[in-house]
C-alpha atoms as a PDB file:
ATOM      1  CA  MET A   1     -66.967-203.170   6.055  1.00  0.00           C
ATOM      2  CA  GLY A   2     -64.911-202.327   9.154  1.00  0.00           C
ATOM      3  CA  GLU A   3     -65.697-198.738   9.065  1.00  0.00           C
ATOM      4  CA  ILE A   4     -69.200-199.155   8.283  1.00  0.00           C
ATOM      5  CA  PHE A   5     -69.098-201.248  11.456  1.00  0.00           C
ATOM      6  CA  ILE A   6     -67.401-199.035  13.982  1.00  0.00           C
ATOM      7  CA  SER A   7     -69.069-195.916  12.722  1.00  0.00           C
ATOM      8  CA  VAL A   8     -72.638-197.029  11.984  1.00  0.00           C
ATOM      9  CA  LEU A   9     -73.461-200.446  13.582  1.00  0.00           C
ATOM     10  CA  LEU A  10     -71.640-200.213  16.717  1.00  0.00           C
ATOM     11  CA  PRO A  11     -73.406-197.210  18.406  1.00  0.00           C
ATOM     12  CA  LEU A  12     -76.839-198.622  16.502  1.00  0.00           C
ATOM     13  CA  ALA A  13     -75.848-201.620  19.095  1.00  0.00           C
ATOM     14  CA  VAL A  14     -74.863-199.436  21.887  1.00  0.00           C
ATOM     15  CA  VAL A  15     -78.437-197.579  21.837  1.00  0.00           C
ATOM     16  CA  VAL A  16     -80.373-201.056  21.217  1.00  0.00           C
ATOM     17  CA  ILE A  17     -77.989-202.279  24.530  1.00  0.00           C
ATOM     18  CA  MET A  18     -79.273-199.770  26.337  1.00  0.00           C
ATOM     19  CA  PHE A  19     -83.120-199.301  25.846  1.00  0.00           C
ATOM     20  CA  CYS A  20     -82.538-203.272  26.522  1.00  0.00           C
ATOM     21  CA  LEU A  21     -81.367-202.092  30.036  1.00  0.00           C
ATOM     22  CA  GLY A  22     -84.177-199.549  30.480  1.00  0.00           C
ATOM     23  CA  LEU A  23     -86.782-202.050  29.910  1.00  0.00           C
ATOM     24  CA  GLY A  24     -85.806-204.090  32.870  1.00  0.00           C
ATOM     25  CA  LEU A  25     -86.022-200.675  35.131  1.00  0.00           C
ATOM     26  CA  THR A  26     -88.849-200.335  37.290  1.00  0.00           C
ATOM     27  CA  ALA A  27     -89.548-197.595  39.963  1.00  0.00           C
ATOM     28  CA  ALA A  28     -88.498-200.082  42.688  1.00  0.00           C
ATOM     29  CA  ASP A  29     -85.193-200.004  41.167  1.00  0.00           C
ATOM     30  CA  PHE A  30     -84.494-196.067  41.601  1.00  0.00           C
ATOM     31  CA  GLN A  31     -86.265-196.065  45.078  1.00  0.00           C
ATOM     32  CA  ARG A  32     -83.696-198.617  46.320  1.00  0.00           C
ATOM     33  CA  ILE A  33     -81.253-195.799  46.436  1.00  0.00           C
ATOM     34  CA  GLY A  34     -83.080-194.466  49.353  1.00  0.00           C
ATOM     35  CA  ARG A  35     -83.468-197.568  50.963  1.00  0.00           C
ATOM     36  CA  ARG A  36     -79.821-198.591  50.649  1.00  0.00           C
ATOM     37  CA  PRO A  37     -78.026-195.710  50.383  1.00  0.00           C
ATOM     38  CA  ARG A  38     -74.765-197.210  52.056  1.00  0.00           C
ATOM     39  CA  ALA A  39     -74.178-199.400  49.416  1.00  0.00           C
ATOM     40  CA  PHE A  40     -75.462-197.123  46.630  1.00  0.00           C
ATOM     41  CA  CYS A  41     -73.108-194.145  47.987  1.00  0.00           C
ATOM     42  CA  VAL A  42     -69.883-196.501  48.366  1.00  0.00           C
ATOM     43  CA  GLY A  43     -70.649-197.847  44.438  1.00  0.00           C
ATOM     44  CA  ALA A  44     -70.999-194.317  43.315  1.00  0.00           C
ATOM     45  CA  LEU A  45     -67.745-193.449  45.279  1.00  0.00           C
ATOM     46  CA  ASN A  46     -65.715-196.540  43.597  1.00  0.00           C
ATOM     47  CA  GLN A  47     -67.109-195.381  39.853  1.00  0.00           C
ATOM     48  CA  ILE A  48     -67.496-191.824  39.752  1.00  0.00           C
ATOM     49  CA  ILE A  49     -64.215-191.039  42.062  1.00  0.00           C
ATOM     50  CA  LEU A  50     -61.585-193.788  42.463  1.00  0.00           C
ATOM     51  CA  LEU A  51     -62.057-195.620  38.880  1.00  0.00           C
ATOM     52  CA  PRO A  52     -60.724-192.146  37.109  1.00  0.00           C
ATOM     53  CA  CYS A  53     -58.243-191.642  39.746  1.00  0.00           C
ATOM     54  CA  ILE A  54     -57.008-195.038  39.771  1.00  0.00           C
ATOM     55  CA  ALA A  55     -57.155-194.907  35.539  1.00  0.00           C
ATOM     56  CA  LEU A  56     -55.050-191.785  35.626  1.00  0.00           C
ATOM     57  CA  MET A  57     -52.250-192.913  37.843  1.00  0.00           C
ATOM     58  CA  VAL A  58     -52.083-196.104  35.768  1.00  0.00           C
ATOM     59  CA  THR A  59     -51.335-194.354  32.596  1.00  0.00           C
ATOM     60  CA  PHE A  60     -48.698-191.950  34.246  1.00  0.00           C
ATOM     61  CA  ILE A  61     -46.764-194.967  35.601  1.00  0.00           C
ATOM     62  CA  PHE A  62     -47.140-197.001  32.359  1.00  0.00           C
ATOM     63  CA  GLY A  63     -46.002-194.136  30.425  1.00  0.00           C
ATOM     64  CA  ILE A  64     -49.275-194.380  27.808  1.00  0.00           C
ATOM     65  CA  SER A  65     -48.985-191.972  24.818  1.00  0.00           C
ATOM     66  CA  ALA A  66     -51.370-189.056  24.878  1.00  0.00           C
ATOM     67  CA  GLU A  67     -54.327-190.728  22.642  1.00  0.00           C
ATOM     68  CA  ALA A  68     -54.330-193.746  24.489  1.00  0.00           C
ATOM     69  CA  ALA A  69     -54.243-192.422  27.859  1.00  0.00           C
ATOM     70  CA  VAL A  70     -57.297-190.009  26.941  1.00  0.00           C
ATOM     71  CA  GLY A  71     -58.912-193.471  25.529  1.00  0.00           C
ATOM     72  CA  ILE A  72     -58.310-195.159  28.962  1.00  0.00           C
ATOM     73  CA  MET A  73     -59.996-192.245  30.453  1.00  0.00           C
ATOM     74  CA  ILE A  74     -63.151-192.542  28.521  1.00  0.00           C
ATOM     75  CA  LEU A  75     -63.104-196.323  29.241  1.00  0.00           C
ATOM     76  CA  ALA A  76     -63.176-195.108  32.861  1.00  0.00           C
ATOM     77  CA  ALA A  77     -66.004-193.300  32.482  1.00  0.00           C
ATOM     78  CA  CYS A  78     -68.169-195.648  31.121  1.00  0.00           C
ATOM     79  CA  PRO A  79     -70.362-197.686  33.324  1.00  0.00           C
ATOM     80  CA  GLY A  80     -70.567-201.607  34.156  1.00  0.00           C
ATOM     81  CA  GLY A  81     -73.204-202.394  31.597  1.00  0.00           C
ATOM     82  CA  ALA A  82     -75.186-205.334  31.002  1.00  0.00           C
ATOM     83  CA  ILE A  83     -72.154-208.050  31.428  1.00  0.00           C
ATOM     84  CA  SER A  84     -71.599-206.711  35.179  1.00  0.00           C
ATOM     85  CA  ASN A  85     -75.384-207.678  35.913  1.00  0.00           C
ATOM     86  CA  ILE A  86     -75.149-211.055  34.113  1.00  0.00           C
ATOM     87  CA  VAL A  87     -72.229-211.602  35.702  1.00  0.00           C
ATOM     88  CA  THR A  88     -73.869-211.077  39.024  1.00  0.00           C
ATOM     89  CA  LYS A  89     -76.737-212.742  38.598  1.00  0.00           C
ATOM     90  CA  LEU A  90     -74.773-216.144  37.732  1.00  0.00           C
ATOM     91  CA  SER A  91     -73.005-215.216  40.891  1.00  0.00           C
ATOM     92  CA  ASN A  92     -75.989-215.128  43.116  1.00  0.00           C
ATOM     93  CA  TRP A  93     -74.856-211.816  44.110  1.00  0.00           C
ATOM     94  CA  ASP A  94     -76.847-208.624  44.428  1.00  0.00           C
ATOM     95  CA  VAL A  95     -78.827-208.137  41.157  1.00  0.00           C
ATOM     96  CA  ALA A  96     -81.273-205.253  42.352  1.00  0.00           C
ATOM     97  CA  LEU A  97     -78.214-203.542  43.546  1.00  0.00           C
ATOM     98  CA  SER A  98     -76.095-204.111  40.369  1.00  0.00           C
ATOM     99  CA  VAL A  99     -78.854-203.060  38.404  1.00  0.00           C
ATOM    100  CA  THR A 100     -79.703-199.847  40.191  1.00  0.00           C
ATOM    101  CA  LEU A 101     -75.857-199.169  39.916  1.00  0.00           C
ATOM    102  CA  THR A 102     -75.948-199.560  36.135  1.00  0.00           C
ATOM    103  CA  ALA A 103     -78.832-197.875  35.600  1.00  0.00           C
ATOM    104  CA  VAL A 104     -77.876-194.765  37.424  1.00  0.00           C
ATOM    105  CA  PHE A 105     -74.346-194.691  36.359  1.00  0.00           C
ATOM    106  CA  SER A 106     -75.357-194.866  32.595  1.00  0.00           C
ATOM    107  CA  LEU A 107     -77.737-191.981  33.254  1.00  0.00           C
ATOM    108  CA  THR A 108     -74.732-189.931  34.513  1.00  0.00           C
ATOM    109  CA  CYS A 109     -72.823-190.571  31.732  1.00  0.00           C
ATOM    110  CA  VAL A 110     -74.116-187.531  30.067  1.00  0.00           C
ATOM    111  CA  VAL A 111     -72.235-185.175  32.764  1.00  0.00           C
ATOM    112  CA  THR A 112     -69.221-187.817  33.786  1.00  0.00           C
ATOM    113  CA  VAL A 113     -68.162-188.844  30.174  1.00  0.00           C
ATOM    114  CA  PRO A 114     -67.629-184.806  28.891  1.00  0.00           C
ATOM    115  CA  LEU A 115     -65.903-183.916  32.429  1.00  0.00           C
ATOM    116  CA  ILE A 116     -63.366-186.840  32.022  1.00  0.00           C
ATOM    117  CA  LEU A 117     -62.796-186.310  28.570  1.00  0.00           C
ATOM    118  CA  GLY A 118     -62.361-182.386  28.615  1.00  0.00           C
ATOM    119  CA  PHE A 119     -59.930-182.986  31.394  1.00  0.00           C
ATOM    120  CA  SER A 120     -57.983-185.829  29.885  1.00  0.00           C
ATOM    121  CA  MET A 121     -57.524-183.634  26.670  1.00  0.00           C
ATOM    122  CA  GLN A 122     -56.210-180.978  28.523  1.00  0.00           C
ATOM    123  CA  MET A 123     -54.331-182.921  30.917  1.00  0.00           C
ATOM    124  CA  PHE A 124     -52.348-185.194  28.131  1.00  0.00           C
ATOM    125  CA  MET A 125     -52.421-183.513  25.086  1.00  0.00           C
ATOM    126  CA  GLY A 126     -52.760-179.582  25.899  1.00  0.00           C
ATOM    127  CA  ALA A 127     -52.884-177.342  23.102  1.00  0.00           C
ATOM    128  CA  THR A 128     -52.408-180.237  20.427  1.00  0.00           C
ATOM    129  CA  ALA A 129     -55.802-181.849  21.812  1.00  0.00           C
ATOM    130  CA  PRO A 130     -58.386-182.094  19.120  1.00  0.00           C
ATOM    131  CA  ALA A 131     -61.200-179.312  19.643  1.00  0.00           C
ATOM    132  CA  ILE A 132     -63.929-181.069  21.556  1.00  0.00           C
ATOM    133  CA  ASP A 133     -67.597-179.134  22.302  1.00  0.00           C
ATOM    134  CA  ILE A 134     -68.706-180.291  25.914  1.00  0.00           C
ATOM    135  CA  SER A 135     -72.325-179.553  24.875  1.00  0.00           C
ATOM    136  CA  SER A 136     -72.185-181.907  21.828  1.00  0.00           C
ATOM    137  CA  THR A 137     -70.251-184.556  24.054  1.00  0.00           C
ATOM    138  CA  ALA A 138     -73.063-184.412  26.363  1.00  0.00           C
ATOM    139  CA  LEU A 139     -76.027-184.308  23.436  1.00  0.00           C
ATOM    140  CA  ALA A 140     -74.167-187.238  22.232  1.00  0.00           C
ATOM    141  CA  MET A 141     -74.199-188.918  25.828  1.00  0.00           C
ATOM    142  CA  PHE A 142     -78.017-188.246  25.969  1.00  0.00           C
ATOM    143  CA  PHE A 143     -78.593-189.744  22.942  1.00  0.00           C
ATOM    144  CA  LEU A 144     -76.371-193.112  23.070  1.00  0.00           C
ATOM    145  CA  THR A 145     -77.456-193.979  26.852  1.00  0.00           C
ATOM    146  CA  VAL A 146     -80.115-191.522  28.450  1.00  0.00           C
ATOM    147  CA  SER A 147     -82.516-191.492  25.541  1.00  0.00           C
ATOM    148  CA  PRO A 148     -82.779-195.097  24.859  1.00  0.00           C
ATOM    149  CA  ILE A 149     -82.911-196.063  28.567  1.00  0.00           C
ATOM    150  CA  LEU A 150     -85.804-193.315  29.157  1.00  0.00           C
ATOM    151  CA  ALA A 151     -87.760-195.094  26.303  1.00  0.00           C
ATOM    152  CA  GLY A 152     -87.085-198.611  27.867  1.00  0.00           C
ATOM    153  CA  VAL A 153     -88.766-197.332  30.874  1.00  0.00           C
ATOM    154  CA  ILE A 154     -91.407-195.727  29.233  1.00  0.00           C
ATOM    155  CA  ALA A 155     -92.272-199.031  26.961  1.00  0.00           C
ATOM    156  CA  ARG A 156     -92.363-200.969  30.294  1.00  0.00           C
ATOM    157  CA  SER A 157     -94.975-198.301  32.021  1.00  0.00           C
ATOM    158  CA  LEU A 158     -97.187-198.498  29.254  1.00  0.00           C
ATOM    159  CA  ALA A 159     -97.114-202.298  28.642  1.00  0.00           C
ATOM    160  CA  PRO A 160     -95.928-203.871  31.685  1.00  0.00           C
ATOM    161  CA  ARG A 161     -97.230-207.216  31.177  1.00  0.00           C
ATOM    162  CA  ILE A 162     -96.156-207.407  27.587  1.00  0.00           C
ATOM    163  CA  VAL A 163     -92.685-206.487  28.671  1.00  0.00           C
ATOM    164  CA  ALA A 164     -92.303-208.254  31.447  1.00  0.00           C
ATOM    165  CA  ALA A 165     -93.139-211.036  29.418  1.00  0.00           C
ATOM    166  CA  VAL A 166     -90.196-210.201  26.517  1.00  0.00           C
ATOM    167  CA  GLU A 167     -87.685-208.476  28.844  1.00  0.00           C
ATOM    168  CA  PRO A 168     -85.433-211.513  29.447  1.00  0.00           C
ATOM    169  CA  ILE A 169     -85.434-212.210  25.912  1.00  0.00           C
ATOM    170  CA  PHE A 170     -84.333-208.951  25.139  1.00  0.00           C
ATOM    171  CA  SER A 171     -82.013-209.023  27.644  1.00  0.00           C
ATOM    172  CA  LYS A 172     -80.456-212.307  26.234  1.00  0.00           C
ATOM    173  CA  VAL A 173     -80.440-210.308  22.967  1.00  0.00           C
ATOM    174  CA  SER A 174     -78.569-207.306  24.511  1.00  0.00           C
ATOM    175  CA  MET A 175     -76.000-209.629  25.575  1.00  0.00           C
ATOM    176  CA  LEU A 176     -75.796-211.209  22.152  1.00  0.00           C
ATOM    177  CA  LEU A 177     -75.525-207.694  20.817  1.00  0.00           C
ATOM    178  CA  PHE A 178     -72.519-206.832  23.212  1.00  0.00           C
ATOM    179  CA  ALA A 179     -70.501-210.043  22.388  1.00  0.00           C
ATOM    180  CA  MET A 180     -70.936-208.867  18.497  1.00  0.00           C
ATOM    181  CA  VAL A 181     -70.091-205.479  18.869  1.00  0.00           C
ATOM    182  CA  ILE A 182     -66.694-206.005  20.622  1.00  0.00           C
ATOM    183  CA  GLY A 183     -66.114-209.170  18.669  1.00  0.00           C
ATOM    184  CA  GLY A 184     -66.773-207.454  15.280  1.00  0.00           C
ATOM    185  CA  ALA A 185     -64.674-204.436  16.602  1.00  0.00           C
ATOM    186  CA  ILE A 186     -61.854-206.255  17.441  1.00  0.00           C
ATOM    187  CA  ILE A 187     -62.179-208.932  14.439  1.00  0.00           C
ATOM    188  CA  SER A 188     -62.345-205.902  11.840  1.00  0.00           C
ATOM    189  CA  ASN A 189     -59.485-204.413  13.316  1.00  0.00           C
ATOM    190  CA  TRP A 190     -57.401-207.397  14.193  1.00  0.00           C
ATOM    191  CA  VAL A 191     -53.865-206.412  13.200  1.00  0.00           C
ATOM    192  CA  VAL A 192     -54.459-202.917  15.246  1.00  0.00           C
ATOM    193  CA  VAL A 193     -55.606-204.652  18.391  1.00  0.00           C
ATOM    194  CA  ALA A 194     -52.934-207.181  18.080  1.00  0.00           C
ATOM    195  CA  ASP A 195     -50.055-204.878  17.496  1.00  0.00           C
ATOM    196  CA  ASN A 196     -51.190-202.933  20.584  1.00  0.00           C
ATOM    197  CA  TYR A 197     -52.310-205.651  22.960  1.00  0.00           C
ATOM    198  CA  LEU A 198     -48.486-205.767  24.550  1.00  0.00           C
ATOM    199  CA  ARG A 199     -48.379-201.998  24.646  1.00  0.00           C
ATOM    200  CA  LEU A 200     -51.766-201.396  26.873  1.00  0.00           C
ATOM    201  CA  GLY A 201     -52.569-204.539  27.977  1.00  0.00           C
ATOM    202  CA  PRO A 202     -50.952-204.775  30.933  1.00  0.00           C
ATOM    203  CA  ALA A 203     -52.044-200.974  31.993  1.00  0.00           C
ATOM    204  CA  LEU A 204     -55.303-202.210  31.099  1.00  0.00           C
ATOM    205  CA  PHE A 205     -55.070-205.526  33.458  1.00  0.00           C
ATOM    206  CA  VAL A 206     -53.780-203.621  36.206  1.00  0.00           C
ATOM    207  CA  VAL A 207     -56.940-200.952  36.257  1.00  0.00           C
ATOM    208  CA  GLY A 208     -59.637-203.536  35.807  1.00  0.00           C
ATOM    209  CA  ALA A 209     -57.732-205.821  38.995  1.00  0.00           C
ATOM    210  CA  SER A 210     -56.925-202.750  41.155  1.00  0.00           C
ATOM    211  CA  LEU A 211     -60.837-201.880  40.945  1.00  0.00           C
ATOM    212  CA  THR A 212     -61.738-205.088  41.976  1.00  0.00           C
ATOM    213  CA  PHE A 213     -59.814-205.457  44.635  1.00  0.00           C
ATOM    214  CA  ILE A 214     -60.516-201.935  45.892  1.00  0.00           C
ATOM    215  CA  GLY A 215     -63.958-202.438  45.271  1.00  0.00           C
ATOM    216  CA  ILE A 216     -64.113-205.411  47.907  1.00  0.00           C
ATOM    217  CA  MET A 217     -62.207-203.370  50.310  1.00  0.00           C
ATOM    218  CA  SER A 218     -63.484-200.136  50.371  1.00  0.00           C
ATOM    219  CA  SER A 219     -67.104-201.846  50.342  1.00  0.00           C
ATOM    220  CA  GLY A 220     -66.073-204.185  53.571  1.00  0.00           C
ATOM    221  CA  MET A 221     -64.549-201.201  55.236  1.00  0.00           C
ATOM    222  CA  LEU A 222     -67.304-198.933  54.662  1.00  0.00           C
ATOM    223  CA  GLY A 223     -69.759-201.374  56.429  1.00  0.00           C
ATOM    224  CA  CYS A 224     -71.343-203.241  53.073  1.00  0.00           C
ATOM    225  CA  THR A 225     -71.844-206.675  53.470  1.00  0.00           C
ATOM    226  CA  ASP A 226     -69.896-209.585  51.610  1.00  0.00           C
ATOM    227  CA  ILE A 227     -72.137-209.885  48.612  1.00  0.00           C
ATOM    228  CA  GLU A 228     -72.717-206.304  48.576  1.00  0.00           C
ATOM    229  CA  ALA A 229     -68.872-205.754  48.329  1.00  0.00           C
ATOM    230  CA  LYS A 230     -68.608-208.096  45.438  1.00  0.00           C
ATOM    231  CA  THR A 231     -71.238-206.704  43.569  1.00  0.00           C
ATOM    232  CA  ILE A 232     -70.114-203.511  43.631  1.00  0.00           C
ATOM    233  CA  SER A 233     -66.528-204.580  42.898  1.00  0.00           C
ATOM    234  CA  ILE A 234     -67.714-206.291  39.683  1.00  0.00           C
ATOM    235  CA  GLU A 235     -69.804-202.752  39.172  1.00  0.00           C
ATOM    236  CA  THR A 236     -66.562-200.957  39.566  1.00  0.00           C
ATOM    237  CA  GLY A 237     -63.971-203.510  37.806  1.00  0.00           C
ATOM    238  CA  VAL A 238     -65.778-204.202  35.006  1.00  0.00           C
ATOM    239  CA  GLN A 239     -66.457-201.206  31.908  1.00  0.00           C
ATOM    240  CA  ASN A 240     -68.442-201.464  28.913  1.00  0.00           C
ATOM    241  CA  GLY A 241     -66.062-201.874  26.507  1.00  0.00           C
ATOM    242  CA  ALA A 242     -68.834-201.078  23.520  1.00  0.00           C
ATOM    243  CA  LEU A 243     -69.965-197.856  24.507  1.00  0.00           C
ATOM    244  CA  GLY A 244     -66.411-197.140  25.290  1.00  0.00           C
ATOM    245  CA  ILE A 245     -65.406-197.710  21.673  1.00  0.00           C
ATOM    246  CA  ALA A 246     -68.773-195.914  20.593  1.00  0.00           C
ATOM    247  CA  ILE A 247     -68.088-192.970  22.514  1.00  0.00           C
ATOM    248  CA  ALA A 248     -64.692-192.273  20.877  1.00  0.00           C
ATOM    249  CA  THR A 249     -65.499-193.139  17.245  1.00  0.00           C
ATOM    250  CA  LEU A 250     -68.441-190.906  17.442  1.00  0.00           C
ATOM    251  CA  LEU A 251     -66.546-187.830  19.275  1.00  0.00           C
ATOM    252  CA  LEU A 252     -63.181-188.528  17.649  1.00  0.00           C
ATOM    253  CA  PRO A 253     -63.867-190.165  14.437  1.00  0.00           C
ATOM    254  CA  ASN A 254     -61.238-191.899  12.285  1.00  0.00           C
ATOM    255  CA  THR A 255     -61.844-192.669   8.733  1.00  0.00           C
ATOM    256  CA  ASN A 256     -59.544-195.769   9.366  1.00  0.00           C
ATOM    257  CA  GLY A 257     -61.577-198.046  11.399  1.00  0.00           C
ATOM    258  CA  LEU A 258     -60.619-197.727  15.374  1.00  0.00           C
ATOM    259  CA  SER A 259     -59.205-194.783  16.171  1.00  0.00           C
ATOM    260  CA  GLU A 260     -55.942-194.362  18.884  1.00  0.00           C
ATOM    261  CA  TYR A 261     -58.702-193.528  21.126  1.00  0.00           C
ATOM    262  CA  ALA A 262     -60.794-196.360  20.859  1.00  0.00           C
ATOM    263  CA  ILE A 263     -58.016-199.265  21.108  1.00  0.00           C
ATOM    264  CA  PRO A 264     -58.258-199.133  24.716  1.00  0.00           C
ATOM    265  CA  SER A 265     -61.663-200.052  24.962  1.00  0.00           C
ATOM    266  CA  ALA A 266     -61.378-202.729  22.471  1.00  0.00           C
ATOM    267  CA  ILE A 267     -58.278-204.328  24.019  1.00  0.00           C
ATOM    268  CA  TYR A 268     -59.794-204.033  27.863  1.00  0.00           C
ATOM    269  CA  SER A 269     -62.392-206.294  26.769  1.00  0.00           C
ATOM    270  CA  VAL A 270     -59.878-209.211  25.510  1.00  0.00           C
ATOM    271  CA  VAL A 271     -58.035-208.568  28.854  1.00  0.00           C
ATOM    272  CA  TRP A 272     -61.332-208.671  30.862  1.00  0.00           C
ATOM    273  CA  ILE A 273     -62.263-212.181  29.366  1.00  0.00           C
ATOM    274  CA  VAL A 274     -58.872-213.454  29.632  1.00  0.00           C
ATOM    275  CA  THR A 275     -57.675-212.268  33.067  1.00  0.00           C
ATOM    276  CA  MET A 276     -60.552-210.678  35.248  1.00  0.00           C
ATOM    277  CA  LEU A 277     -63.238-213.224  34.418  1.00  0.00           C
ATOM    278  CA  PRO A 278     -61.390-216.226  35.954  1.00  0.00           C
ATOM    279  CA  VAL A 279     -61.212-214.112  39.040  1.00  0.00           C
ATOM    280  CA  PHE A 280     -64.752-213.496  39.453  1.00  0.00           C
ATOM    281  CA  ALA A 281     -65.754-217.029  38.834  1.00  0.00           C
ATOM    282  CA  LEU A 282     -63.570-217.597  41.640  1.00  0.00           C
ATOM    283  CA  LEU A 283     -65.208-215.066  43.789  1.00  0.00           C
ATOM    284  CA  ALA A 284     -68.406-216.456  42.832  1.00  0.00           C
ATOM    285  CA  ARG A 285     -67.767-220.244  44.033  1.00  0.00           C
ATOM    286  CA  ARG A 286     -67.308-218.820  47.416  1.00  0.00           C
ATOM    287  CA  SER A 287     -70.308-216.606  47.342  1.00  0.00           C
ATOM    288  CA  PRO A 288     -73.243-218.853  49.487  1.00  0.00           C
ATOM    289  CA  ILE A 289     -76.308-219.429  47.393  1.00  0.00           C
ATOM    290  CA  SER A 290     -79.140-216.928  47.738  1.00  0.00           C
END
């Protein structure tokens, strides 16, 4: 059952989550990039450049094994996902910016994931790395992220009133699916997760905490408002663990549940809930009500 969940149900759930994200998007979300280039560019700098660099440094500092280090880099290539949008909304931060950043970074996964995966494979595994076809990786990312997001956008453009009415329901379904995917992956592979928590948990905490801090500091120094800085920090500091598990499972399959490459994404979700969620709750209490 655990194998079926990881290899079949999890990727399907990720596709549904991405479709739900697309249902909530309009042309205005993408036009916002031109109207607010500073906030978007700072978010892109943190997500696409700083996040992989910090993750890479942490793997060396903590002496993470080769396969797990690749798994951490896969996680670092993932966008924030629906969870970052929900936390942003509950915190009265910049929801519009959060949605725009999540959507764009989810679309760019088709480029960033294959590049980071190929780089990290060579960096950590060298000649022992399994054969990875970059074009197949890009195609897999297209079907996991870009295709369902575009399907949701098209559905909204064809039936805007219907989609606008049901989108809040789909948004809740997306969050429920996310929780079920992460929970199911952890429960069905509890022994593996428990055995590796102390080995990988501290490194994953440092990645999340560092990016949250850097996200706020860099955004402030580059001229973003306080609300924009906090929004960017959660987009940078929160990764889509469900997508990370799906990528590792599809590209680096294992017949016995979670592979070594997928374990960091599963453990990260536990680390985030236990340590980082309270931090964002504290930041939310300090935010003015918009």
